[in-house]
Amino acid sequence: MTCEEAVARLYEYLDRELDPGTRRRVRQHLARCRPCTDKVHFEAYFLAQLRRCLVSERAPASLYRRLEALVAAVRVK
């Protein structure tokens, strides 16, 4: 596997979306290619930090009740 092929599959590799054979080939490439390994580590760190910052918050229950009432009112018409 070339560097270009490994980098093209980088996000699929990090998200564990590759079939076992392709995942093994990417892993073998990373075992012998320091620049690609550095890129994978950087991207993994970046994605982890991004996920950490994207904490979702639930809307208040009162908003859900108001929306449900509006939807019910529209269905009646």
Protein backbone atom coordinates (compact mmCIF):
# COMPACT_ATOMS: atom_id res chain seq x y z
CA MET A 1 0.00 0.00 0.00
CA THR A 2 1.32 3.45 -0.89
CA CYS A 3 1.20 6.54 1.28
CA GLU A 4 -1.49 8.00 -1.00
CA GLU A 5 -3.65 4.90 -0.59
CA ALA A 6 -3.18 4.87 3.19
CA VAL A 7 -4.02 8.57 3.54
CA ALA A 8 -7.07 8.16 1.28
CA ARG A 9 -8.40 5.58 3.76
CA LEU A 10 -7.34 7.48 6.87
CA TYR A 11 -10.78 8.42 8.21
CA GLU A 12 -12.27 5.03 7.40
CA TYR A 13 -9.36 3.48 9.28
CA LEU A 14 -9.85 5.74 12.30
CA ASP A 15 -13.61 5.11 12.29
CA ARG A 16 -13.04 1.33 11.95
CA GLU A 17 -15.08 1.21 8.75
CA LEU A 18 -12.59 -0.77 6.62
CA ASP A 19 -12.95 -4.43 5.80
CA PRO A 20 -10.45 -6.60 7.70
CA GLY A 21 -8.09 -7.06 4.74
CA THR A 22 -7.82 -3.36 3.94
CA ARG A 23 -7.46 -2.51 7.62
CA ARG A 24 -4.58 -4.99 7.87
CA ARG A 25 -2.87 -3.47 4.82
CA VAL A 26 -3.20 0.05 6.25
CA ARG A 27 -1.85 -1.15 9.59
CA GLN A 28 1.11 -2.84 7.84
CA HIS A 29 1.86 0.37 5.96
CA LEU A 30 1.71 2.39 9.16
CA ALA A 31 4.13 -0.03 10.84
CA ARG A 32 6.83 0.92 8.34
CA CYS A 33 5.96 4.53 7.42
CA ARG A 34 6.68 7.16 10.06
CA PRO A 35 5.15 10.14 8.16
CA CYS A 36 1.83 8.32 7.71
CA THR A 37 1.88 7.15 11.33
CA ASP A 38 2.43 10.74 12.46
CA LYS A 39 -0.51 11.85 10.30
CA VAL A 40 -2.79 9.17 11.78
CA HIS A 41 -1.79 10.16 15.32
CA PHE A 42 -2.41 13.83 14.59
CA GLU A 43 -5.82 13.17 12.99
CA ALA A 44 -6.86 10.83 15.81
CA TYR A 45 -5.89 13.44 18.39
CA PHE A 46 -7.68 16.18 16.44
CA LEU A 47 -10.89 14.13 16.16
CA ALA A 48 -10.78 13.25 19.86
CA GLN A 49 -10.44 16.92 20.81
CA LEU A 50 -13.22 17.88 18.42
CA ARG A 51 -15.56 15.27 19.91
CA ARG A 52 -14.67 16.47 23.40
CA CYS A 53 -15.66 20.02 22.48
CA LEU A 54 -18.94 19.01 20.85
CA VAL A 55 -20.86 18.20 23.98
CA SER A 56 -24.51 18.08 23.13
CA GLU A 57 -27.13 19.60 25.35
CA ARG A 58 -30.75 18.54 25.54
CA ALA A 59 -33.46 21.09 24.96
CA PRO A 60 -35.63 21.84 27.98
CA ALA A 61 -38.72 19.65 28.47
CA SER A 62 -40.91 22.75 28.15
CA LEU A 63 -39.67 23.25 24.57
CA TYR A 64 -40.54 19.66 23.69
CA ARG A 65 -44.04 20.13 25.10
CA ARG A 66 -44.58 23.34 23.11
CA LEU A 67 -43.37 21.70 19.89
CA GLU A 68 -45.59 18.67 20.47
CA ALA A 69 -48.57 20.99 20.99
CA LEU A 70 -47.78 22.87 17.76
CA VAL A 71 -47.46 19.64 15.78
CA ALA A 72 -50.73 18.37 17.23
CA ALA A 73 -52.45 21.64 16.30
CA VAL A 74 -51.21 21.41 12.72
CA ARG A 75 -52.40 17.80 12.40
CA VAL A 76 -55.91 18.79 13.50
CA LYS A 77 -56.26 21.37 10.72
